[in-house]
Amino acid sequence: MFAGAQEKRGRIKSAACASIFFQSAYFCAAFQLPSNSMKQISLFLFPALLAGALFFACKNDATYSKTTANAGPAPDTVRIDPVPAEGAVPFSIVEGALYWSAKKAIGKAHDGTITLAGGELMVNRGRLVGGQAAFNMGSIEVTNMNDPGEKATLESHLKDKDFFEVRKYPQAQFVIDEILPSNLPAFNWVIRGNLTIKDQTHPVNVPVQLTIDGDELRAESASFILDRTKWGLKFRSGLLGTARDKIIEDVVPVSLKVVARRKW
């Protein structure tokens, strides 16, 4: 029993630390500058060292120090009794979207959304215990382009075989595997599950601020990242030797909002 609790605490810490590391790493990438002056090099090295420090600190057991004191309680200090799936009540997803931001190595980012097609979340004793969600890939939209023609062209390209092939793969699926508690300010749960895009499935950790109030469930995630190449989305990836001014970043920051209501 104690060994199981220790293993679960380790998973909680790993999931939370992964979220912190990925966000730090993305911050580093955003500040990467040409190396033509010491000032620019310093600006790049500082966030890179910060990301590395966070990663290695998360790998080790938490010990008291000024750093841990300022950071607040360690994620593995959460203690919560398990809730069985048996007897859970279904909540239907009634609205929601995935918010994404993709950019070239050189150039500005394109922001957009993919709407949820539906899904069902299972709730027992006021806690989420499982479920699944479907994404309507044909709904992909670019939200930060003013020119209607350019917007339509990019959206059409995202739907073709270079990216999501929405005629062949009209939906993506996320199936919940485990829900782990967190006491970090940005999110109170980490939902671990499997994301399927274009018939390729990989595990994903989603850090969410989740509330259940009577017959309504609301979840809003902190920003987390997806590596698009894991799902075969390799168009203009740096992995393929693409010219730097044409590269589209492999790492895509995303966030999620979901509203679900009790079926009966």
Protein backbone atom coordinates (compact mmCIF):
# COMPACT_ATOMS: atom_id res chain seq x y z
CA MET A 1 0.00 0.00 0.00
CA PHE A 2 2.77 2.45 0.97
CA ALA A 3 4.75 1.55 -2.16
CA GLY A 4 1.67 2.32 -4.30
CA ALA A 5 1.19 5.69 -2.62
CA GLN A 6 4.83 6.57 -3.17
CA GLU A 7 4.60 5.61 -6.85
CA LYS A 8 1.48 7.75 -7.34
CA ARG A 9 3.14 10.73 -5.65
CA GLY A 10 6.07 10.29 -8.02
CA ARG A 11 3.70 10.41 -11.00
CA ILE A 12 2.09 13.58 -9.69
CA LYS A 13 5.48 15.25 -9.27
CA SER A 14 6.66 14.08 -12.70
CA ALA A 15 3.53 15.39 -14.42
CA ALA A 16 3.66 18.76 -12.67
CA CYS A 17 7.40 19.14 -13.23
CA ALA A 18 7.03 18.20 -16.88
CA SER A 19 4.52 21.02 -17.30
CA ILE A 20 6.88 23.51 -15.61
CA PHE A 21 9.87 22.34 -17.66
CA PHE A 22 8.01 22.45 -20.98
CA GLN A 23 6.76 25.96 -20.32
CA SER A 24 10.28 27.07 -19.33
CA ALA A 25 11.72 25.43 -22.44
CA TYR A 26 9.21 27.20 -24.64
CA PHE A 27 10.14 30.48 -22.94
CA CYS A 28 13.77 29.78 -23.82
CA ALA A 29 12.91 29.15 -27.44
CA ALA A 30 10.96 32.38 -27.62
CA PHE A 31 14.01 34.36 -26.49
CA GLN A 32 16.60 32.70 -28.74
CA LEU A 33 18.62 35.45 -30.42
CA PRO A 34 21.49 35.65 -32.92
CA SER A 35 24.88 35.31 -31.26
CA ASN A 36 26.41 38.59 -32.43
CA SER A 37 26.79 40.17 -29.01
CA MET A 38 27.44 39.14 -25.44
CA LYS A 39 24.24 40.84 -24.36
CA GLN A 40 22.18 38.67 -26.70
CA ILE A 41 24.00 35.51 -25.59
CA SER A 42 23.23 36.35 -21.97
CA LEU A 43 19.54 36.79 -22.71
CA PHE A 44 19.43 33.33 -24.26
CA LEU A 45 21.52 31.57 -21.62
CA PHE A 46 19.55 32.82 -18.64
CA PRO A 47 16.19 31.22 -19.58
CA ALA A 48 17.99 28.09 -20.82
CA LEU A 49 19.77 27.66 -17.49
CA LEU A 50 16.50 28.32 -15.68
CA ALA A 51 14.75 25.56 -17.64
CA GLY A 52 17.60 23.13 -16.95
CA ALA A 53 17.60 23.95 -13.26
CA LEU A 54 13.86 23.34 -13.03
CA PHE A 55 14.21 20.01 -14.82
CA PHE A 56 16.95 18.63 -12.60
CA ALA A 57 15.35 20.00 -9.44
CA CYS A 58 12.14 18.14 -10.31
CA LYS A 59 14.02 14.90 -10.80
CA ASN A 60 15.19 14.92 -7.19
CA ASP A 61 13.24 14.68 -3.95
CA ALA A 62 12.11 18.03 -2.59
CA THR A 63 14.31 19.45 0.16
CA TYR A 64 13.80 22.63 2.10
CA SER A 65 15.67 25.63 0.73
CA LYS A 66 14.97 29.22 -0.24
CA THR A 67 14.03 28.01 -3.70
CA THR A 68 11.48 25.43 -2.53
CA ALA A 69 10.14 27.80 0.13
CA ASN A 70 9.45 30.51 -2.46
CA ALA A 71 7.97 27.98 -4.87
CA GLY A 72 5.33 26.86 -2.34
CA PRO A 73 4.43 23.29 -1.36
CA ALA A 74 5.88 20.52 -3.49
CA PRO A 75 3.32 18.80 -5.76
CA ASP A 76 3.78 15.44 -4.02
CA THR A 77 2.53 16.82 -0.70
CA VAL A 78 -1.05 16.37 -1.98
CA ARG A 79 -2.90 13.62 -0.15
CA ILE A 80 -6.34 12.57 -1.37
CA ASP A 81 -8.45 9.45 -1.03
CA PRO A 82 -9.22 7.59 -4.27
CA VAL A 83 -12.75 7.61 -5.69
CA PRO A 84 -14.01 4.50 -7.51
CA ALA A 85 -15.32 4.65 -11.07
CA GLU A 86 -18.19 2.39 -10.08
CA GLY A 87 -21.36 4.41 -9.60
CA ALA A 88 -20.06 7.40 -11.61
CA VAL A 89 -22.53 9.73 -13.35
CA PRO A 90 -22.01 10.81 -16.98
CA PHE A 91 -21.58 14.48 -17.88
CA SER A 92 -21.94 15.41 -21.57
CA ILE A 93 -19.48 17.90 -23.06
CA VAL A 94 -21.64 20.77 -24.37
CA GLU A 95 -18.95 23.23 -25.41
CA GLY A 96 -15.22 23.69 -25.51
CA ALA A 97 -12.17 24.30 -27.65
CA LEU A 98 -8.46 23.68 -27.98
CA TYR A 99 -6.46 26.91 -28.37
CA TRP A 100 -3.18 26.59 -30.27
CA SER A 101 -0.27 28.78 -31.31
CA ALA A 102 2.15 27.74 -34.06
CA LYS A 103 5.06 29.70 -35.47
CA LYS A 104 7.92 29.60 -37.90
CA ALA A 105 11.47 29.67 -36.60
CA ILE A 106 11.61 33.15 -38.13
CA GLY A 107 8.38 35.10 -38.09
CA LYS A 108 5.27 35.66 -36.03
CA ALA A 109 2.96 32.99 -34.61
CA HIS A 110 -0.43 32.01 -35.95
CA ASP A 111 -3.07 31.46 -33.27
CA GLY A 112 -6.23 29.45 -33.63
CA THR A 113 -8.83 27.07 -32.26
CA ILE A 114 -10.22 23.57 -32.77
CA THR A 115 -13.70 23.03 -31.33
CA LEU A 116 -14.79 20.01 -29.33
CA ALA A 117 -17.18 17.72 -31.16
CA GLY A 118 -18.51 16.21 -27.93
CA GLY A 119 -17.63 13.59 -25.40
CA GLU A 120 -18.54 12.24 -22.00
CA LEU A 121 -16.91 12.78 -18.61
CA MET A 122 -17.59 10.54 -15.62
CA VAL A 123 -18.05 12.09 -12.18
CA ASN A 124 -18.38 10.35 -8.81
CA ARG A 125 -18.67 12.02 -5.39
CA GLY A 126 -17.93 15.39 -6.93
CA ARG A 127 -14.72 14.21 -8.62
CA LEU A 128 -13.79 13.49 -12.22
CA VAL A 129 -12.93 9.79 -12.56
CA GLY A 130 -12.71 9.21 -16.32
CA GLY A 131 -14.07 9.98 -19.75
CA GLN A 132 -13.21 10.96 -23.29
CA ALA A 133 -13.45 13.94 -25.64
CA ALA A 134 -13.58 14.28 -29.42
CA PHE A 135 -12.21 17.18 -31.46
CA ASN A 136 -13.73 18.33 -34.75
CA MET A 137 -10.63 18.69 -36.91
CA GLY A 138 -12.64 20.27 -39.73
CA SER A 139 -13.35 23.21 -37.40
CA ILE A 140 -9.71 24.32 -37.24
CA GLU A 141 -9.61 28.10 -37.49
CA VAL A 142 -6.90 30.76 -37.55
CA THR A 143 -7.94 33.63 -35.28
CA ASN A 144 -5.19 36.26 -35.70
CA MET A 145 -5.20 36.94 -39.45
CA ASN A 146 -7.01 40.02 -40.77
CA ASP A 147 -6.89 39.27 -44.50
CA PRO A 148 -9.83 36.95 -45.32
CA GLY A 149 -8.07 35.45 -48.33
CA GLU A 150 -4.86 34.63 -46.48
CA LYS A 151 -6.87 33.24 -43.55
CA ALA A 152 -8.88 30.93 -45.82
CA THR A 153 -5.71 29.75 -47.61
CA LEU A 154 -3.94 28.84 -44.37
CA GLU A 155 -7.00 27.10 -42.93
CA SER A 156 -7.37 25.07 -46.13
CA HIS A 157 -3.70 24.09 -45.96
CA LEU A 158 -4.04 22.95 -42.33
CA LYS A 159 -6.88 20.67 -43.39
CA ASP A 160 -5.00 18.99 -46.27
CA LYS A 161 -2.50 16.13 -46.33
CA ASP A 162 0.47 18.28 -45.24
CA PHE A 163 -1.19 18.55 -41.82
CA PHE A 164 -4.42 17.04 -40.49
CA GLU A 165 -6.05 15.43 -43.58
CA VAL A 166 -9.49 16.18 -42.17
CA ARG A 167 -11.42 14.32 -44.87
CA LYS A 168 -9.65 11.11 -43.93
CA TYR A 169 -9.33 11.87 -40.21
CA PRO A 170 -12.31 14.09 -39.28
CA GLN A 171 -11.83 13.73 -35.52
CA ALA A 172 -9.08 13.51 -32.92
CA GLN A 173 -9.74 11.70 -29.63
CA PHE A 174 -8.53 12.14 -26.07
CA VAL A 175 -9.22 9.30 -23.60
CA ILE A 176 -8.58 9.85 -19.89
CA ASP A 177 -6.35 7.30 -18.20
CA GLU A 178 -5.77 8.84 -14.77
CA ILE A 179 -6.56 12.02 -12.82
CA LEU A 180 -3.90 13.18 -10.37
CA PRO A 181 -4.29 15.97 -7.77
CA SER A 182 -2.04 19.03 -7.72
CA ASN A 183 -1.64 21.96 -5.33
CA LEU A 184 0.09 24.28 -7.81
CA PRO A 185 -1.62 27.67 -8.26
CA ALA A 186 -2.22 27.33 -12.01
CA PHE A 187 -4.01 23.98 -11.87
CA ASN A 188 -5.57 21.67 -9.29
CA TRP A 189 -5.51 18.44 -11.33
CA VAL A 190 -3.29 16.77 -13.93
CA ILE A 191 -5.30 14.67 -16.37
CA ARG A 192 -3.19 11.93 -17.92
CA GLY A 193 -4.54 10.37 -21.08
CA ASN A 194 -3.95 9.28 -24.65
CA LEU A 195 -4.38 11.63 -27.61
CA THR A 196 -5.09 10.12 -31.03
CA ILE A 197 -4.51 12.23 -34.16
CA LYS A 198 -4.44 10.66 -37.63
CA ASP A 199 -4.64 7.16 -36.10
CA GLN A 200 -1.48 7.74 -34.05
CA THR A 201 -1.80 7.64 -30.26
CA HIS A 202 0.55 9.13 -27.66
CA PRO A 203 0.26 9.96 -23.94
CA VAL A 204 -0.40 13.56 -22.90
CA ASN A 205 -0.54 15.28 -19.50
CA VAL A 206 -3.10 18.08 -19.29
CA PRO A 207 -2.81 20.44 -16.27
CA VAL A 208 -6.31 21.78 -15.52
CA GLN A 209 -8.17 24.02 -13.12
CA LEU A 210 -11.32 21.95 -12.70
CA THR A 211 -14.52 22.75 -10.82
CA ILE A 212 -17.73 20.74 -10.44
CA ASP A 213 -20.71 22.76 -9.22
CA GLY A 214 -23.88 20.68 -9.01
CA ASP A 215 -24.76 19.54 -12.52
CA GLU A 216 -22.02 21.50 -14.30
CA LEU A 217 -18.33 20.75 -14.80
CA ARG A 218 -15.87 23.36 -16.03
CA ALA A 219 -12.22 22.78 -16.86
CA GLU A 220 -9.62 25.26 -18.09
CA SER A 221 -6.07 24.13 -18.65
CA ALA A 222 -2.81 25.90 -18.12
CA SER A 223 -0.70 26.16 -21.26
CA PHE A 224 1.03 22.91 -22.16
CA ILE A 225 2.89 21.74 -25.27
CA LEU A 226 2.48 19.12 -27.95
CA ASP A 227 5.25 17.92 -30.26
CA ARG A 228 3.39 17.74 -33.57
CA THR A 229 5.92 15.34 -35.13
CA LYS A 230 4.82 12.55 -32.76
CA TRP A 231 1.52 12.46 -34.65
CA GLY A 232 3.17 12.52 -38.07
CA LEU A 233 2.73 16.27 -38.63
CA LYS A 234 6.19 16.89 -40.08
CA PHE A 235 5.56 19.49 -42.78
CA ARG A 236 8.53 21.91 -42.74
CA SER A 237 9.86 20.35 -39.56
CA GLY A 238 13.48 21.03 -38.64
CA LEU A 239 13.86 17.24 -38.47
CA LEU A 240 13.61 17.08 -42.26
CA GLY A 241 16.47 19.48 -42.99
CA THR A 242 14.14 22.36 -43.90
CA ALA A 243 15.82 25.72 -44.56
CA ARG A 244 15.75 27.76 -41.35
CA ASP A 245 13.63 30.56 -42.76
CA LYS A 246 11.00 27.98 -43.77
CA ILE A 247 10.95 25.87 -40.58
CA ILE A 248 7.70 25.61 -38.64
CA GLU A 249 8.38 24.88 -34.97
CA ASP A 250 7.67 21.31 -33.87
CA VAL A 251 6.57 22.40 -30.39
CA VAL A 252 3.04 23.80 -30.29
CA PRO A 253 1.74 25.48 -27.10
CA VAL A 254 -1.92 24.67 -26.51
CA SER A 255 -4.61 25.16 -23.87
CA LEU A 256 -8.08 23.77 -23.39
CA LYS A 257 -11.50 24.88 -22.14
CA VAL A 258 -14.38 22.47 -21.52
CA VAL A 259 -17.94 22.77 -20.20
CA ALA A 260 -19.94 19.62 -19.45
CA ARG A 261 -23.37 19.07 -17.92
CA ARG A 262 -24.89 16.10 -16.12
CA LYS A 263 -26.94 13.86 -18.40
CA TRP A 264 -29.64 13.08 -15.82
